[in-house]
Structure formats: C-alpha cells, structure tokens
Amino acid sequence: MCRLLLREGTCFRELKFGLCPSKPRACLCPQVKLDWIQQTVLSLDPEDALLAPHMRPVLQGLYRNLHPLIATKPEMARTVRMVVHLVNSLISTCQ
C-alpha cells in the first residue's frame, strides 16, 4: 500500500493506493497512477505560497506527458482527458 499526505489548509489528507494485484511488488498499474495524479491535482492549491512558484513548470510537464496518452491508451482515454483538463485549468490559474 502506498500513501501520500496532501495538505488541505491546516489539515492533511491521506491518499492510499494499492499495487497491481498481479504484480504486488512491481510498479503501480497505469490506472492507479492516473487515479493518484487525479487526486493530487484536485488537491493542489494554486494560491499556496510555497507551491505557486513551482506549479506552472511542473504542471506543464505533466500536461505534455499526459496528453499523448489519450491516443495511446484508449481504455483510459476518458479519465486522461479529464485529468488533462484539470491540469490545463490549473496551468491557466498559475502566474
């Protein structure tokens, strides 16, 4: 089980993600990775003073890496499109 702590104001929220059932010690499944990215992007605060200076370049890199998945992973295209839309929205709010 992998976990990630995300700050929400003065609180932390814990996200837990399991490993591939077929390969318990291998890397995370693509769908699990995408779910993790989605939850993380939804939790980002573009007005956070610590994150704001770094968000735009990181999100632009994420956008460049995610966008080609729409065509190459048709089984995940719907989720990828939504995450790409979320990332693009955050990029537009970053300064």
C-alpha atoms as a PDB file:
ATOM      1  CA  MET A   1       0.000   0.000   0.000  1.00  0.00           C
ATOM      2  CA  CYS A   2       1.353   3.402  -0.979  1.00  0.00           C
ATOM      3  CA  ARG A   3       0.256   6.559   0.771  1.00  0.00           C
ATOM      4  CA  LEU A   4       0.545  10.250   0.168  1.00  0.00           C
ATOM      5  CA  LEU A   5      -0.235  13.053   2.584  1.00  0.00           C
ATOM      6  CA  LEU A   6      -1.735  16.157   0.988  1.00  0.00           C
ATOM      7  CA  ARG A   7      -2.103  19.433   2.806  1.00  0.00           C
ATOM      8  CA  GLU A   8      -5.562  20.978   2.790  1.00  0.00           C
ATOM      9  CA  GLY A   9      -5.365  24.273   4.625  1.00  0.00           C
ATOM     10  CA  THR A  10      -4.115  23.376   8.075  1.00  0.00           C
ATOM     11  CA  CYS A  11      -5.085  19.694   7.765  1.00  0.00           C
ATOM     12  CA  PHE A  12      -3.568  16.755   5.943  1.00  0.00           C
ATOM     13  CA  ARG A  13      -5.494  14.234   3.899  1.00  0.00           C
ATOM     14  CA  GLU A  14      -4.076  10.772   3.355  1.00  0.00           C
ATOM     15  CA  LEU A  15      -4.454   9.105  -0.031  1.00  0.00           C
ATOM     16  CA  LYS A  16      -3.871   5.365  -0.204  1.00  0.00           C
ATOM     17  CA  PHE A  17      -3.232   3.392  -3.357  1.00  0.00           C
ATOM     18  CA  GLY A  18      -2.713  -0.313  -3.765  1.00  0.00           C
ATOM     19  CA  LEU A  19      -0.282  -2.097  -6.009  1.00  0.00           C
ATOM     20  CA  CYS A  20      -1.121  -4.226  -9.037  1.00  0.00           C
ATOM     21  CA  PRO A  21      -2.791  -7.412  -7.816  1.00  0.00           C
ATOM     22  CA  SER A  22      -0.899  -9.443 -10.432  1.00  0.00           C
ATOM     23  CA  LYS A  23       2.474  -7.883  -9.545  1.00  0.00           C
ATOM     24  CA  PRO A  24       2.325  -6.870  -5.873  1.00  0.00           C
ATOM     25  CA  ARG A  25       5.954  -5.769  -5.723  1.00  0.00           C
ATOM     26  CA  ALA A  26       6.103  -4.206  -9.169  1.00  0.00           C
ATOM     27  CA  CYS A  27       5.380  -0.619 -10.087  1.00  0.00           C
ATOM     28  CA  LEU A  28       1.886   0.776  -9.798  1.00  0.00           C
ATOM     29  CA  CYS A  29      -0.681  -0.006 -12.501  1.00  0.00           C
ATOM     30  CA  PRO A  30      -1.238   2.799 -15.049  1.00  0.00           C
ATOM     31  CA  GLN A  31      -4.825   3.248 -13.822  1.00  0.00           C
ATOM     32  CA  VAL A  32      -3.660   3.537 -10.214  1.00  0.00           C
ATOM     33  CA  LYS A  33      -1.034   6.087 -11.246  1.00  0.00           C
ATOM     34  CA  LEU A  34      -3.675   8.069 -13.127  1.00  0.00           C
ATOM     35  CA  ASP A  35      -6.032   7.963 -10.133  1.00  0.00           C
ATOM     36  CA  TRP A  36      -3.175   9.174  -7.927  1.00  0.00           C
ATOM     37  CA  ILE A  37      -2.404  12.049 -10.327  1.00  0.00           C
ATOM     38  CA  GLN A  38      -6.098  12.971 -10.474  1.00  0.00           C
ATOM     39  CA  GLN A  39      -6.483  13.071  -6.685  1.00  0.00           C
ATOM     40  CA  THR A  40      -3.253  15.034  -6.331  1.00  0.00           C
ATOM     41  CA  VAL A  41      -4.203  17.603  -8.977  1.00  0.00           C
ATOM     42  CA  LEU A  42      -7.601  18.065  -7.341  1.00  0.00           C
ATOM     43  CA  SER A  43      -5.872  18.737  -4.024  1.00  0.00           C
ATOM     44  CA  LEU A  44      -3.414  21.354  -5.307  1.00  0.00           C
ATOM     45  CA  ASP A  45      -3.945  24.945  -4.220  1.00  0.00           C
ATOM     46  CA  PRO A  46      -2.549  27.371  -6.834  1.00  0.00           C
ATOM     47  CA  GLU A  47      -2.548  30.145  -4.235  1.00  0.00           C
ATOM     48  CA  ASP A  48      -0.256  28.267  -1.834  1.00  0.00           C
ATOM     49  CA  ALA A  49       2.802  30.493  -1.393  1.00  0.00           C
ATOM     50  CA  LEU A  50       5.193  27.529  -1.223  1.00  0.00           C
ATOM     51  CA  LEU A  51       3.827  25.751  -4.289  1.00  0.00           C
ATOM     52  CA  ALA A  52       2.898  28.667  -6.549  1.00  0.00           C
ATOM     53  CA  PRO A  53       6.388  29.402  -7.939  1.00  0.00           C
ATOM     54  CA  HIS A  54       6.881  25.757  -8.931  1.00  0.00           C
ATOM     55  CA  MET A  55       3.421  24.740 -10.103  1.00  0.00           C
ATOM     56  CA  ARG A  56       3.425  26.094 -13.658  1.00  0.00           C
ATOM     57  CA  PRO A  57       6.572  24.275 -14.903  1.00  0.00           C
ATOM     58  CA  VAL A  58       5.616  21.030 -13.151  1.00  0.00           C
ATOM     59  CA  LEU A  59       2.050  21.127 -14.467  1.00  0.00           C
ATOM     60  CA  GLN A  60       3.233  21.949 -17.996  1.00  0.00           C
ATOM     61  CA  GLY A  61       5.489  18.886 -17.902  1.00  0.00           C
ATOM     62  CA  LEU A  62       2.622  16.778 -16.596  1.00  0.00           C
ATOM     63  CA  TYR A  63       0.374  18.098 -19.379  1.00  0.00           C
ATOM     64  CA  ARG A  64       2.983  17.221 -22.038  1.00  0.00           C
ATOM     65  CA  ASN A  65       3.292  13.696 -20.635  1.00  0.00           C
ATOM     66  CA  LEU A  66      -0.436  13.062 -20.209  1.00  0.00           C
ATOM     67  CA  HIS A  67      -1.773  14.453 -23.479  1.00  0.00           C
ATOM     68  CA  PRO A  68      -0.327  11.696 -25.732  1.00  0.00           C
ATOM     69  CA  LEU A  69      -1.959   9.033 -23.517  1.00  0.00           C
ATOM     70  CA  ILE A  70      -5.381   9.992 -24.898  1.00  0.00           C
ATOM     71  CA  ALA A  71      -4.474   8.350 -28.205  1.00  0.00           C
ATOM     72  CA  THR A  72      -2.183   5.588 -26.942  1.00  0.00           C
ATOM     73  CA  LYS A  73      -4.331   4.299 -24.053  1.00  0.00           C
ATOM     74  CA  PRO A  74      -7.923   4.184 -25.356  1.00  0.00           C
ATOM     75  CA  GLU A  75      -9.134   2.231 -22.306  1.00  0.00           C
ATOM     76  CA  MET A  76      -8.129   5.172 -20.092  1.00  0.00           C
ATOM     77  CA  ALA A  77      -8.829   7.998 -22.564  1.00  0.00           C
ATOM     78  CA  ARG A  78     -11.862   9.360 -20.703  1.00  0.00           C
ATOM     79  CA  THR A  79     -10.024   9.651 -17.387  1.00  0.00           C
ATOM     80  CA  VAL A  80      -6.898  11.012 -19.075  1.00  0.00           C
ATOM     81  CA  ARG A  81      -8.968  13.710 -20.835  1.00  0.00           C
ATOM     82  CA  MET A  82     -10.472  14.768 -17.520  1.00  0.00           C
ATOM     83  CA  VAL A  83      -7.066  14.919 -15.808  1.00  0.00           C
ATOM     84  CA  VAL A  84      -5.603  16.841 -18.770  1.00  0.00           C
ATOM     85  CA  HIS A  85      -8.496  19.297 -18.460  1.00  0.00           C
ATOM     86  CA  LEU A  86      -7.853  19.694 -14.717  1.00  0.00           C
ATOM     87  CA  VAL A  87      -4.131  20.239 -15.305  1.00  0.00           C
ATOM     88  CA  ASN A  88      -4.816  22.756 -18.076  1.00  0.00           C
ATOM     89  CA  SER A  89      -7.206  24.620 -15.793  1.00  0.00           C
ATOM     90  CA  LEU A  90      -4.574  24.802 -13.050  1.00  0.00           C
ATOM     91  CA  ILE A  91      -1.950  25.996 -15.546  1.00  0.00           C
ATOM     92  CA  SER A  92      -4.228  28.843 -16.578  1.00  0.00           C
ATOM     93  CA  THR A  93      -4.661  29.926 -12.941  1.00  0.00           C
ATOM     94  CA  CYS A  94      -0.914  29.840 -12.188  1.00  0.00           C
ATOM     95  CA  GLN A  95       1.045  33.045 -12.615  1.00  0.00           C
END
